[in-house]
Amino acid sequence: MRIRILVFSVVAALVVVGLTSAMTVPKLKGTLTTGTIILKKANGTKVKTLKAGKYSFVIKDSATIHNFTLDGPGFEDKVLSGTSFTGTTKPKTLKLKKGSYKYYCTIHPDLKGTFKVK
């Protein structure tokens, strides 16, 4: 009987761990300073290409004169960090579709970056 309980407990724990990891949404970290705007994956590499799906965006904004805005399939002028905001935003989960995306400051459009979703 103890073996059955132990086996059941182990199987239940593995199912919970599997479900938790399957539900994890990859995090993308944006950084906005006075002269730069960058979007990186959780491992620190600059975002160039992503797979279609859900992503959690967290923006660290230290510039009160810029904002972090996203354009792409399904998004037009999606503001992730407002102009007067400084600090780190709460995570915003967005579903990215196949296509080309641009992140930029609407006030200073030369402050920008791009990536593709396949």
PDB file of N, CA and C in Angstrom:
ATOM      1  N   MET A   1       0.815  -1.193   0.000  1.00  0.00           N
ATOM      2  CA  MET A   1       0.000   0.000   0.000  1.00  0.00           C
ATOM      3  C   MET A   1       0.862   1.262   0.000  1.00  0.00           C
ATOM      4  N   ARG A   2       1.924   1.269   0.773  1.00  0.00           N
ATOM      5  CA  ARG A   2       2.813   2.433   0.812  1.00  0.00           C
ATOM      6  C   ARG A   2       3.452   2.686  -0.547  1.00  0.00           C
ATOM      7  N   ILE A   3       3.790   1.629  -1.245  1.00  0.00           N
ATOM      8  CA  ILE A   3       4.413   1.775  -2.569  1.00  0.00           C
ATOM      9  C   ILE A   3       3.417   2.422  -3.527  1.00  0.00           C
ATOM     10  N   ARG A   4       2.157   2.012  -3.488  1.00  0.00           N
ATOM     11  CA  ARG A   4       1.145   2.600  -4.361  1.00  0.00           C
ATOM     12  C   ARG A   4       0.996   4.099  -4.078  1.00  0.00           C
ATOM     13  N   ILE A   5       0.960   4.462  -2.821  1.00  0.00           N
ATOM     14  CA  ILE A   5       0.835   5.870  -2.444  1.00  0.00           C
ATOM     15  C   ILE A   5       2.051   6.653  -2.927  1.00  0.00           C
ATOM     16  N   LEU A   6       3.237   6.079  -2.753  1.00  0.00           N
ATOM     17  CA  LEU A   6       4.471   6.727  -3.201  1.00  0.00           C
ATOM     18  C   LEU A   6       4.467   6.907  -4.709  1.00  0.00           C
ATOM     19  N   VAL A   7       4.108   5.865  -5.444  1.00  0.00           N
ATOM     20  CA  VAL A   7       4.069   5.937  -6.915  1.00  0.00           C
ATOM     21  C   VAL A   7       3.040   6.975  -7.353  1.00  0.00           C
ATOM     22  N   PHE A   8       1.863   6.949  -6.730  1.00  0.00           N
ATOM     23  CA  PHE A   8       0.828   7.918  -7.069  1.00  0.00           C
ATOM     24  C   PHE A   8       1.317   9.342  -6.811  1.00  0.00           C
ATOM     25  N   SER A   9       1.972   9.570  -5.694  1.00  0.00           N
ATOM     26  CA  SER A   9       2.488  10.898  -5.345  1.00  0.00           C
ATOM     27  C   SER A   9       3.520  11.378  -6.352  1.00  0.00           C
ATOM     28  N   VAL A  10       4.413  10.473  -6.749  1.00  0.00           N
ATOM     29  CA  VAL A  10       5.459  10.832  -7.719  1.00  0.00           C
ATOM     30  C   VAL A  10       4.830  11.166  -9.067  1.00  0.00           C
ATOM     31  N   VAL A  11       3.895  10.352  -9.526  1.00  0.00           N
ATOM     32  CA  VAL A  11       3.224  10.607 -10.806  1.00  0.00           C
ATOM     33  C   VAL A  11       2.466  11.929 -10.751  1.00  0.00           C
ATOM     34  N   ALA A  12       1.748  12.181  -9.668  1.00  0.00           N
ATOM     35  CA  ALA A  12       1.010  13.442  -9.523  1.00  0.00           C
ATOM     36  C   ALA A  12       1.957  14.635  -9.557  1.00  0.00           C
ATOM     37  N   ALA A  13       3.094  14.540  -8.888  1.00  0.00           N
ATOM     38  CA  ALA A  13       4.074  15.628  -8.884  1.00  0.00           C
ATOM     39  C   ALA A  13       4.617  15.873 -10.285  1.00  0.00           C
ATOM     40  N   LEU A  14       4.895  14.808 -11.027  1.00  0.00           N
ATOM     41  CA  LEU A  14       5.404  14.960 -12.394  1.00  0.00           C
ATOM     42  C   LEU A  14       4.373  15.607 -13.302  1.00  0.00           C
ATOM     43  N   VAL A  15       3.116  15.267 -13.134  1.00  0.00           N
ATOM     44  CA  VAL A  15       2.053  15.883 -13.932  1.00  0.00           C
ATOM     45  C   VAL A  15       1.974  17.372 -13.630  1.00  0.00           C
ATOM     46  N   VAL A  16       2.023  17.752 -12.370  1.00  0.00           N
ATOM     47  CA  VAL A  16       1.967  19.172 -11.989  1.00  0.00           C
ATOM     48  C   VAL A  16       3.147  19.927 -12.562  1.00  0.00           C
ATOM     49  N   VAL A  17       4.346  19.362 -12.456  1.00  0.00           N
ATOM     50  CA  VAL A  17       5.541  20.010 -13.006  1.00  0.00           C
ATOM     51  C   VAL A  17       5.410  20.149 -14.518  1.00  0.00           C
ATOM     52  N   GLY A  18       4.934  19.127 -15.191  1.00  0.00           N
ATOM     53  CA  GLY A  18       4.752  19.177 -16.642  1.00  0.00           C
ATOM     54  C   GLY A  18       3.753  20.231 -17.061  1.00  0.00           C
ATOM     55  N   LEU A  19       2.637  20.321 -16.353  1.00  0.00           N
ATOM     56  CA  LEU A  19       1.630  21.324 -16.672  1.00  0.00           C
ATOM     57  C   LEU A  19       2.141  22.729 -16.414  1.00  0.00           C
ATOM     58  N   THR A  20       2.867  22.904 -15.337  1.00  0.00           N
ATOM     59  CA  THR A  20       3.412  24.220 -15.010  1.00  0.00           C
ATOM     60  C   THR A  20       4.396  24.673 -16.078  1.00  0.00           C
ATOM     61  N   SER A  21       5.296  23.791 -16.504  1.00  0.00           N
ATOM     62  CA  SER A  21       6.279  24.187 -17.511  1.00  0.00           C
ATOM     63  C   SER A  21       5.626  24.394 -18.867  1.00  0.00           C
ATOM     64  N   ALA A  22       4.548  23.660 -19.158  1.00  0.00           N
ATOM     65  CA  ALA A  22       3.853  23.836 -20.434  1.00  0.00           C
ATOM     66  C   ALA A  22       3.120  25.174 -20.472  1.00  0.00           C
ATOM     67  N   MET A  23       2.743  25.709 -19.316  1.00  0.00           N
ATOM     68  CA  MET A  23       2.000  26.956 -19.248  1.00  0.00           C
ATOM     69  C   MET A  23       2.911  28.175 -19.125  1.00  0.00           C
ATOM     70  N   THR A  24       4.190  27.985 -18.998  1.00  0.00           N
ATOM     71  CA  THR A  24       5.111  29.095 -18.856  1.00  0.00           C
ATOM     72  C   THR A  24       5.193  29.881 -20.162  1.00  0.00           C
ATOM     73  N   VAL A  25       5.023  31.177 -20.061  1.00  0.00           N
ATOM     74  CA  VAL A  25       5.099  32.054 -21.224  1.00  0.00           C
ATOM     75  C   VAL A  25       6.494  32.657 -21.250  1.00  0.00           C
ATOM     76  N   PRO A  26       7.211  32.551 -22.399  1.00  0.00           N
ATOM     77  CA  PRO A  26       8.560  33.142 -22.471  1.00  0.00           C
ATOM     78  C   PRO A  26       8.526  34.642 -22.210  1.00  0.00           C
ATOM     79  N   LYS A  27       9.537  35.127 -21.492  1.00  0.00           N
ATOM     80  CA  LYS A  27       9.614  36.537 -21.133  1.00  0.00           C
ATOM     81  C   LYS A  27      10.555  37.271 -22.081  1.00  0.00           C
ATOM     82  N   LEU A  28      10.127  38.440 -22.529  1.00  0.00           N
ATOM     83  CA  LEU A  28      10.955  39.342 -23.317  1.00  0.00           C
ATOM     84  C   LEU A  28      11.180  40.592 -22.492  1.00  0.00           C
ATOM     85  N   LYS A  29      12.435  41.036 -22.437  1.00  0.00           N
ATOM     86  CA  LYS A  29      12.798  42.182 -21.605  1.00  0.00           C
ATOM     87  C   LYS A  29      13.172  43.369 -22.488  1.00  0.00           C
ATOM     88  N   GLY A  30      12.395  44.425 -22.362  1.00  0.00           N
ATOM     89  CA  GLY A  30      12.687  45.647 -23.085  1.00  0.00           C
ATOM     90  C   GLY A  30      13.409  46.617 -22.165  1.00  0.00           C
ATOM     91  N   THR A  31      14.334  47.366 -22.729  1.00  0.00           N
ATOM     92  CA  THR A  31      15.049  48.395 -21.973  1.00  0.00           C
ATOM     93  C   THR A  31      14.946  49.692 -22.754  1.00  0.00           C
ATOM     94  N   LEU A  32      14.589  50.745 -22.050  1.00  0.00           N
ATOM     95  CA  LEU A  32      14.424  52.051 -22.666  1.00  0.00           C
ATOM     96  C   LEU A  32      15.188  53.065 -21.824  1.00  0.00           C
ATOM     97  N   THR A  33      16.205  53.688 -22.449  1.00  0.00           N
ATOM     98  CA  THR A  33      16.979  54.728 -21.774  1.00  0.00           C
ATOM     99  C   THR A  33      16.890  55.994 -22.618  1.00  0.00           C
ATOM    100  N   THR A  34      17.598  57.024 -22.224  1.00  0.00           N
ATOM    101  CA  THR A  34      17.557  58.284 -22.956  1.00  0.00           C
ATOM    102  C   THR A  34      17.927  58.123 -24.424  1.00  0.00           C
ATOM    103  N   GLY A  35      18.880  57.238 -24.751  1.00  0.00           N
ATOM    104  CA  GLY A  35      19.309  57.110 -26.145  1.00  0.00           C
ATOM    105  C   GLY A  35      19.169  55.736 -26.755  1.00  0.00           C
ATOM    106  N   THR A  36      18.580  54.768 -26.056  1.00  0.00           N
ATOM    107  CA  THR A  36      18.489  53.412 -26.608  1.00  0.00           C
ATOM    108  C   THR A  36      17.147  52.762 -26.312  1.00  0.00           C
ATOM    109  N   ILE A  37      16.790  51.853 -27.205  1.00  0.00           N
ATOM    110  CA  ILE A  37      15.631  50.997 -27.006  1.00  0.00           C
ATOM    111  C   ILE A  37      16.053  49.599 -27.463  1.00  0.00           C
ATOM    112  N   ILE A  38      15.900  48.616 -26.590  1.00  0.00           N
ATOM    113  CA  ILE A  38      16.389  47.264 -26.857  1.00  0.00           C
ATOM    114  C   ILE A  38      15.339  46.266 -26.392  1.00  0.00           C
ATOM    115  N   LEU A  39      15.226  45.147 -27.110  1.00  0.00           N
ATOM    116  CA  LEU A  39      14.367  44.052 -26.690  1.00  0.00           C
ATOM    117  C   LEU A  39      15.196  42.774 -26.695  1.00  0.00           C
ATOM    118  N   LYS A  40      15.248  42.099 -25.532  1.00  0.00           N
ATOM    119  CA  LYS A  40      16.063  40.896 -25.388  1.00  0.00           C
ATOM    120  C   LYS A  40      15.231  39.736 -24.861  1.00  0.00           C
ATOM    121  N   LYS A  41      15.717  38.539 -25.155  1.00  0.00           N
ATOM    122  CA  LYS A  41      15.130  37.331 -24.584  1.00  0.00           C
ATOM    123  C   LYS A  41      15.619  37.203 -23.144  1.00  0.00           C
ATOM    124  N   ALA A  42      15.025  36.288 -22.406  1.00  0.00           N
ATOM    125  CA  ALA A  42      15.397  36.084 -21.001  1.00  0.00           C
ATOM    126  C   ALA A  42      16.868  35.719 -20.847  1.00  0.00           C
ATOM    127  N   ASN A  43      17.459  35.087 -21.881  1.00  0.00           N
ATOM    128  CA  ASN A  43      18.878  34.700 -21.805  1.00  0.00           C
ATOM    129  C   ASN A  43      19.826  35.844 -22.140  1.00  0.00           C
ATOM    130  N   GLY A  44      19.279  37.036 -22.437  1.00  0.00           N
ATOM    131  CA  GLY A  44      20.120  38.207 -22.691  1.00  0.00           C
ATOM    132  C   GLY A  44      20.433  38.483 -24.151  1.00  0.00           C
ATOM    133  N   THR A  45      20.015  37.609 -25.081  1.00  0.00           N
ATOM    134  CA  THR A  45      20.295  37.848 -26.494  1.00  0.00           C
ATOM    135  C   THR A  45      19.232  38.767 -27.091  1.00  0.00           C
ATOM    136  N   LYS A  46      19.657  39.613 -27.998  1.00  0.00           N
ATOM    137  CA  LYS A  46      18.749  40.546 -28.656  1.00  0.00           C
ATOM    138  C   LYS A  46      17.725  39.764 -29.475  1.00  0.00           C
ATOM    139  N   VAL A  47      16.476  40.211 -29.428  1.00  0.00           N
ATOM    140  CA  VAL A  47      15.412  39.544 -30.180  1.00  0.00           C
ATOM    141  C   VAL A  47      15.554  39.883 -31.659  1.00  0.00           C
ATOM    142  N   LYS A  48      15.719  38.837 -32.474  1.00  0.00           N
ATOM    143  CA  LYS A  48      15.775  38.993 -33.936  1.00  0.00           C
ATOM    144  C   LYS A  48      14.662  38.190 -34.583  1.00  0.00           C
ATOM    145  N   THR A  49      14.451  36.959 -34.086  1.00  0.00           N
ATOM    146  CA  THR A  49      13.426  36.064 -34.618  1.00  0.00           C
ATOM    147  C   THR A  49      12.782  35.304 -33.461  1.00  0.00           C
ATOM    148  N   LEU A  50      11.462  35.176 -33.515  1.00  0.00           N
ATOM    149  CA  LEU A  50      10.713  34.426 -32.511  1.00  0.00           C
ATOM    150  C   LEU A  50       9.750  33.480 -33.209  1.00  0.00           C
ATOM    151  N   LYS A  51       9.320  32.460 -32.499  1.00  0.00           N
ATOM    152  CA  LYS A  51       8.257  31.591 -32.981  1.00  0.00           C
ATOM    153  C   LYS A  51       6.931  32.256 -32.632  1.00  0.00           C
ATOM    154  N   ALA A  52       5.917  32.049 -33.456  1.00  0.00           N
ATOM    155  CA  ALA A  52       4.595  32.587 -33.162  1.00  0.00           C
ATOM    156  C   ALA A  52       4.108  32.020 -31.836  1.00  0.00           C
ATOM    157  N   GLY A  53       3.413  32.852 -31.061  1.00  0.00           N
ATOM    158  CA  GLY A  53       2.870  32.404 -29.782  1.00  0.00           C
ATOM    159  C   GLY A  53       2.800  33.528 -28.783  1.00  0.00           C
ATOM    160  N   LYS A  54       2.530  33.171 -27.530  1.00  0.00           N
ATOM    161  CA  LYS A  54       2.402  34.155 -26.461  1.00  0.00           C
ATOM    162  C   LYS A  54       3.756  34.476 -25.842  1.00  0.00           C
ATOM    163  N   TYR A  55       3.949  35.758 -25.540  1.00  0.00           N
ATOM    164  CA  TYR A  55       5.169  36.240 -24.890  1.00  0.00           C
ATOM    165  C   TYR A  55       4.790  37.268 -23.833  1.00  0.00           C
ATOM    166  N   SER A  56       5.543  37.277 -22.760  1.00  0.00           N
ATOM    167  CA  SER A  56       5.350  38.232 -21.688  1.00  0.00           C
ATOM    168  C   SER A  56       6.395  39.337 -21.838  1.00  0.00           C
ATOM    169  N   PHE A  57       5.934  40.558 -22.017  1.00  0.00           N
ATOM    170  CA  PHE A  57       6.818  41.716 -22.181  1.00  0.00           C
ATOM    171  C   PHE A  57       6.960  42.438 -20.853  1.00  0.00           C
ATOM    172  N   VAL A  58       8.201  42.691 -20.443  1.00  0.00           N
ATOM    173  CA  VAL A  58       8.489  43.491 -19.259  1.00  0.00           C
ATOM    174  C   VAL A  58       9.465  44.572 -19.710  1.00  0.00           C
ATOM    175  N   ILE A  59       9.099  45.819 -19.484  1.00  0.00           N
ATOM    176  CA  ILE A  59       9.902  46.945 -19.959  1.00  0.00           C
ATOM    177  C   ILE A  59      10.511  47.678 -18.768  1.00  0.00           C
ATOM    178  N   LYS A  60      11.833  47.847 -18.808  1.00  0.00           N
ATOM    179  CA  LYS A  60      12.540  48.658 -17.812  1.00  0.00           C
ATOM    180  C   LYS A  60      12.793  50.012 -18.470  1.00  0.00           C
ATOM    181  N   ASP A  61      12.120  51.021 -17.969  1.00  0.00           N
ATOM    182  CA  ASP A  61      12.113  52.342 -18.597  1.00  0.00           C
ATOM    183  C   ASP A  61      12.725  53.366 -17.642  1.00  0.00           C
ATOM    184  N   SER A  62      13.834  53.940 -18.062  1.00  0.00           N
ATOM    185  CA  SER A  62      14.478  54.962 -17.225  1.00  0.00           C
ATOM    186  C   SER A  62      14.444  56.343 -17.880  1.00  0.00           C
ATOM    187  N   ALA A  63      13.616  56.505 -18.912  1.00  0.00           N
ATOM    188  CA  ALA A  63      13.571  57.775 -19.643  1.00  0.00           C
ATOM    189  C   ALA A  63      12.156  58.331 -19.643  1.00  0.00           C
ATOM    190  N   THR A  64      11.966  59.502 -19.054  1.00  0.00           N
ATOM    191  CA  THR A  64      10.631  60.112 -19.018  1.00  0.00           C
ATOM    192  C   THR A  64      10.263  60.809 -20.324  1.00  0.00           C
ATOM    193  N   ILE A  65      11.170  60.824 -21.282  1.00  0.00           N
ATOM    194  CA  ILE A  65      10.881  61.501 -22.555  1.00  0.00           C
ATOM    195  C   ILE A  65      10.623  60.506 -23.692  1.00  0.00           C
ATOM    196  N   HIS A  66      10.563  59.200 -23.383  1.00  0.00           N
ATOM    197  CA  HIS A  66      10.339  58.165 -24.403  1.00  0.00           C
ATOM    198  C   HIS A  66       9.223  57.225 -23.961  1.00  0.00           C
ATOM    199  N   ASN A  67       8.732  56.455 -24.926  1.00  0.00           N
ATOM    200  CA  ASN A  67       7.814  55.366 -24.618  1.00  0.00           C
ATOM    201  C   ASN A  67       8.235  54.133 -25.422  1.00  0.00           C
ATOM    202  N   PHE A  68       7.743  52.969 -25.041  1.00  0.00           N
ATOM    203  CA  PHE A  68       8.055  51.713 -25.723  1.00  0.00           C
ATOM    204  C   PHE A  68       6.767  51.246 -26.378  1.00  0.00           C
ATOM    205  N   THR A  69       6.738  51.289 -27.707  1.00  0.00           N
ATOM    206  CA  THR A  69       5.538  51.004 -28.483  1.00  0.00           C
ATOM    207  C   THR A  69       5.825  49.869 -29.460  1.00  0.00           C
ATOM    208  N   LEU A  70       4.805  49.033 -29.722  1.00  0.00           N
ATOM    209  CA  LEU A  70       4.955  47.867 -30.594  1.00  0.00           C
ATOM    210  C   LEU A  70       3.966  47.942 -31.743  1.00  0.00           C
ATOM    211  N   ASP A  71       4.458  47.681 -32.961  1.00  0.00           N
ATOM    212  CA  ASP A  71       3.624  47.542 -34.162  1.00  0.00           C
ATOM    213  C   ASP A  71       3.923  46.196 -34.792  1.00  0.00           C
ATOM    214  N   GLY A  72       2.907  45.565 -35.326  1.00  0.00           N
ATOM    215  CA  GLY A  72       3.056  44.294 -36.018  1.00  0.00           C
ATOM    216  C   GLY A  72       1.683  43.731 -36.308  1.00  0.00           C
ATOM    217  N   PRO A  73       1.608  42.509 -36.855  1.00  0.00           N
ATOM    218  CA  PRO A  73       0.312  41.900 -37.156  1.00  0.00           C
ATOM    219  C   PRO A  73      -0.581  41.839 -35.908  1.00  0.00           C
ATOM    220  N   GLY A  74      -1.676  42.565 -35.944  1.00  0.00           N
ATOM    221  CA  GLY A  74      -2.601  42.589 -34.816  1.00  0.00           C
ATOM    222  C   GLY A  74      -2.338  43.708 -33.825  1.00  0.00           C
ATOM    223  N   PHE A  75      -1.245  44.449 -33.988  1.00  0.00           N
ATOM    224  CA  PHE A  75      -0.915  45.549 -33.076  1.00  0.00           C
ATOM    225  C   PHE A  75      -0.553  46.790 -33.878  1.00  0.00           C
ATOM    226  N   GLU A  76      -1.153  47.904 -33.511  1.00  0.00           N
ATOM    227  CA  GLU A  76      -0.756  49.185 -34.077  1.00  0.00           C
ATOM    228  C   GLU A  76      -0.646  50.163 -32.922  1.00  0.00           C
ATOM    229  N   ASP A  77       0.548  50.693 -32.737  1.00  0.00           N
ATOM    230  CA  ASP A  77       0.801  51.634 -31.641  1.00  0.00           C
ATOM    231  C   ASP A  77       0.399  51.068 -30.277  1.00  0.00           C
ATOM    232  N   LYS A  78       0.794  49.814 -30.011  1.00  0.00           N
ATOM    233  CA  LYS A  78       0.532  49.163 -28.723  1.00  0.00           C
ATOM    234  C   LYS A  78       1.576  49.664 -27.733  1.00  0.00           C
ATOM    235  N   VAL A  79       1.182  50.573 -26.832  1.00  0.00           N
ATOM    236  CA  VAL A  79       2.105  51.184 -25.880  1.00  0.00           C
ATOM    237  C   VAL A  79       2.332  50.218 -24.719  1.00  0.00           C
ATOM    238  N   LEU A  80       3.595  49.822 -24.507  1.00  0.00           N
ATOM    239  CA  LEU A  80       3.959  48.928 -23.416  1.00  0.00           C
ATOM    240  C   LEU A  80       4.540  49.696 -22.235  1.00  0.00           C
ATOM    241  N   SER A  81       5.031  50.913 -22.503  1.00  0.00           N
ATOM    242  CA  SER A  81       5.544  51.789 -21.452  1.00  0.00           C
ATOM    243  C   SER A  81       5.266  53.224 -21.883  1.00  0.00           C
ATOM    244  N   GLY A  82       4.519  53.967 -21.076  1.00  0.00           N
ATOM    245  CA  GLY A  82       4.125  55.324 -21.429  1.00  0.00           C
ATOM    246  C   GLY A  82       5.252  56.334 -21.277  1.00  0.00           C
ATOM    247  N   THR A  83       5.045  57.500 -21.864  1.00  0.00           N
ATOM    248  CA  THR A  83       6.068  58.543 -21.896  1.00  0.00           C
ATOM    249  C   THR A  83       6.492  59.010 -20.512  1.00  0.00           C
ATOM    250  N   SER A  84       5.578  59.239 -19.619  1.00  0.00           N
ATOM    251  CA  SER A  84       5.955  59.761 -18.302  1.00  0.00           C
ATOM    252  C   SER A  84       6.334  58.663 -17.307  1.00  0.00           C
ATOM    253  N   PHE A  85       6.221  57.395 -17.707  1.00  0.00           N
ATOM    254  CA  PHE A  85       6.508  56.281 -16.799  1.00  0.00           C
ATOM    255  C   PHE A  85       8.012  56.040 -16.669  1.00  0.00           C
ATOM    256  N   THR A  86       8.476  55.787 -15.464  1.00  0.00           N
ATOM    257  CA  THR A  86       9.820  55.267 -15.231  1.00  0.00           C
ATOM    258  C   THR A  86       9.695  54.115 -14.241  1.00  0.00           C
ATOM    259  N   GLY A  87      10.579  53.140 -14.400  1.00  0.00           N
ATOM    260  CA  GLY A  87      10.548  51.950 -13.563  1.00  0.00           C
ATOM    261  C   GLY A  87      10.418  50.714 -14.423  1.00  0.00           C
ATOM    262  N   THR A  88       9.919  49.648 -13.834  1.00  0.00           N
ATOM    263  CA  THR A  88       9.728  48.393 -14.552  1.00  0.00           C
ATOM    264  C   THR A  88       8.234  48.104 -14.619  1.00  0.00           C
ATOM    265  N   THR A  89       7.744  47.852 -15.830  1.00  0.00           N
ATOM    266  CA  THR A  89       6.317  47.591 -16.016  1.00  0.00           C
ATOM    267  C   THR A  89       5.941  46.222 -15.473  1.00  0.00           C
ATOM    268  N   LYS A  90       4.678  46.051 -15.198  1.00  0.00           N
ATOM    269  CA  LYS A  90       4.144  44.725 -14.894  1.00  0.00           C
ATOM    270  C   LYS A  90       4.162  43.935 -16.201  1.00  0.00           C
ATOM    271  N   PRO A  91       4.314  42.616 -16.137  1.00  0.00           N
ATOM    272  CA  PRO A  91       4.328  41.818 -17.377  1.00  0.00           C
ATOM    273  C   PRO A  91       3.026  41.988 -18.170  1.00  0.00           C
ATOM    274  N   LYS A  92       3.178  42.135 -19.484  1.00  0.00           N
ATOM    275  CA  LYS A  92       2.033  42.198 -20.395  1.00  0.00           C
ATOM    276  C   LYS A  92       2.172  41.053 -21.381  1.00  0.00           C
ATOM    277  N   THR A  93       1.227  40.125 -21.365  1.00  0.00           N
ATOM    278  CA  THR A  93       1.290  38.974 -22.258  1.00  0.00           C
ATOM    279  C   THR A  93       0.567  39.301 -23.551  1.00  0.00           C
ATOM    280  N   LEU A  94       1.282  39.112 -24.659  1.00  0.00           N
ATOM    281  CA  LEU A  94       0.736  39.367 -25.984  1.00  0.00           C
ATOM    282  C   LEU A  94       0.932  38.133 -26.861  1.00  0.00           C
ATOM    283  N   LYS A  95      -0.026  37.900 -27.732  1.00  0.00           N
ATOM    284  CA  LYS A  95       0.096  36.795 -28.689  1.00  0.00           C
ATOM    285  C   LYS A  95       0.646  37.360 -29.994  1.00  0.00           C
ATOM    286  N   LEU A  96       1.836  36.901 -30.360  1.00  0.00           N
ATOM    287  CA  LEU A  96       2.488  37.377 -31.581  1.00  0.00           C
ATOM    288  C   LEU A  96       2.198  36.417 -32.723  1.00  0.00           C
ATOM    289  N   LYS A  97       1.774  36.984 -33.848  1.00  0.00           N
ATOM    290  CA  LYS A  97       1.489  36.212 -35.061  1.00  0.00           C
ATOM    291  C   LYS A  97       2.674  36.327 -36.012  1.00  0.00           C
ATOM    292  N   LYS A  98       2.695  35.473 -37.009  1.00  0.00           N
ATOM    293  CA  LYS A  98       3.764  35.511 -38.016  1.00  0.00           C
ATOM    294  C   LYS A  98       3.785  36.877 -38.688  1.00  0.00           C
ATOM    295  N   GLY A  99       5.016  37.383 -38.902  1.00  0.00           N
ATOM    296  CA  GLY A  99       5.158  38.663 -39.575  1.00  0.00           C
ATOM    297  C   GLY A  99       6.305  39.476 -39.027  1.00  0.00           C
ATOM    298  N   SER A 100       6.371  40.730 -39.454  1.00  0.00           N
ATOM    299  CA  SER A 100       7.429  41.651 -39.032  1.00  0.00           C
ATOM    300  C   SER A 100       6.891  42.596 -37.964  1.00  0.00           C
ATOM    301  N   TYR A 101       7.721  42.851 -36.971  1.00  0.00           N
ATOM    302  CA  TYR A 101       7.349  43.724 -35.855  1.00  0.00           C
ATOM    303  C   TYR A 101       8.381  44.832 -35.709  1.00  0.00           C
ATOM    304  N   LYS A 102       7.905  45.963 -35.208  1.00  0.00           N
ATOM    305  CA  LYS A 102       8.782  47.096 -34.923  1.00  0.00           C
ATOM    306  C   LYS A 102       8.445  47.602 -33.530  1.00  0.00           C
ATOM    307  N   TYR A 103       9.488  47.859 -32.728  1.00  0.00           N
ATOM    308  CA  TYR A 103       9.290  48.527 -31.441  1.00  0.00           C
ATOM    309  C   TYR A 103      10.028  49.854 -31.522  1.00  0.00           C
ATOM    310  N   TYR A 104       9.439  50.892 -30.921  1.00  0.00           N
ATOM    311  CA  TYR A 104       9.965  52.244 -31.128  1.00  0.00           C
ATOM    312  C   TYR A 104       9.371  53.207 -30.116  1.00  0.00           C
ATOM    313  N   CYS A 105       9.888  54.413 -30.128  1.00  0.00           N
ATOM    314  CA  CYS A 105       9.347  55.520 -29.351  1.00  0.00           C
ATOM    315  C   CYS A 105       8.515  56.367 -30.322  1.00  0.00           C
ATOM    316  N   THR A 106       7.241  56.605 -29.980  1.00  0.00           N
ATOM    317  CA  THR A 106       6.395  57.397 -30.885  1.00  0.00           C
ATOM    318  C   THR A 106       6.824  58.861 -30.959  1.00  0.00           C
ATOM    319  N   ILE A 107       7.492  59.336 -29.919  1.00  0.00           N
ATOM    320  CA  ILE A 107       7.943  60.730 -29.890  1.00  0.00           C
ATOM    321  C   ILE A 107       9.238  60.898 -30.676  1.00  0.00           C
ATOM    322  N   HIS A 108      10.104  59.894 -30.627  1.00  0.00           N
ATOM    323  CA  HIS A 108      11.389  59.908 -31.337  1.00  0.00           C
ATOM    324  C   HIS A 108      11.472  58.653 -32.211  1.00  0.00           C
ATOM    325  N   PRO A 109      10.825  58.633 -33.390  1.00  0.00           N
ATOM    326  CA  PRO A 109      10.712  57.433 -34.215  1.00  0.00           C
ATOM    327  C   PRO A 109      12.045  56.853 -34.702  1.00  0.00           C
ATOM    328  N   ASP A 110      13.136  57.629 -34.599  1.00  0.00           N
ATOM    329  CA  ASP A 110      14.439  57.081 -34.982  1.00  0.00           C
ATOM    330  C   ASP A 110      14.971  56.132 -33.900  1.00  0.00           C
ATOM    331  N   LEU A 111      14.356  56.132 -32.750  1.00  0.00           N
ATOM    332  CA  LEU A 111      14.694  55.219 -31.649  1.00  0.00           C
ATOM    333  C   LEU A 111      13.827  53.980 -31.854  1.00  0.00           C
ATOM    334  N   LYS A 112      14.410  52.915 -32.487  1.00  0.00           N
ATOM    335  CA  LYS A 112      13.579  51.783 -32.906  1.00  0.00           C
ATOM    336  C   LYS A 112      14.401  50.493 -33.027  1.00  0.00           C
ATOM    337  N   GLY A 113      13.685  49.404 -33.147  1.00  0.00           N
ATOM    338  CA  GLY A 113      14.261  48.094 -33.405  1.00  0.00           C
ATOM    339  C   GLY A 113      13.219  47.231 -34.103  1.00  0.00           C
ATOM    340  N   THR A 114      13.638  46.118 -34.688  1.00  0.00           N
ATOM    341  CA  THR A 114      12.720  45.241 -35.402  1.00  0.00           C
ATOM    342  C   THR A 114      13.018  43.772 -35.075  1.00  0.00           C
ATOM    343  N   PHE A 115      12.020  42.939 -35.309  1.00  0.00           N
ATOM    344  CA  PHE A 115      12.200  41.488 -35.224  1.00  0.00           C
ATOM    345  C   PHE A 115      11.122  40.812 -36.066  1.00  0.00           C
ATOM    346  N   LYS A 116      11.339  39.541 -36.363  1.00  0.00           N
ATOM    347  CA  LYS A 116      10.383  38.763 -37.154  1.00  0.00           C
ATOM    348  C   LYS A 116       9.835  37.623 -36.307  1.00  0.00           C
ATOM    349  N   VAL A 117       8.600  37.260 -36.598  1.00  0.00           N
ATOM    350  CA  VAL A 117       7.956  36.115 -35.970  1.00  0.00           C
ATOM    351  C   VAL A 117       7.635  35.128 -37.089  1.00  0.00           C
ATOM    352  N   LYS A 118       8.095  33.886 -36.881  1.00  0.00           N
ATOM    353  CA  LYS A 118       7.886  32.843 -37.906  1.00  0.00           C
ATOM    354  C   LYS A 118       6.898  31.804 -37.432  1.00  0.00           C
TER     355      LYS A 118
END
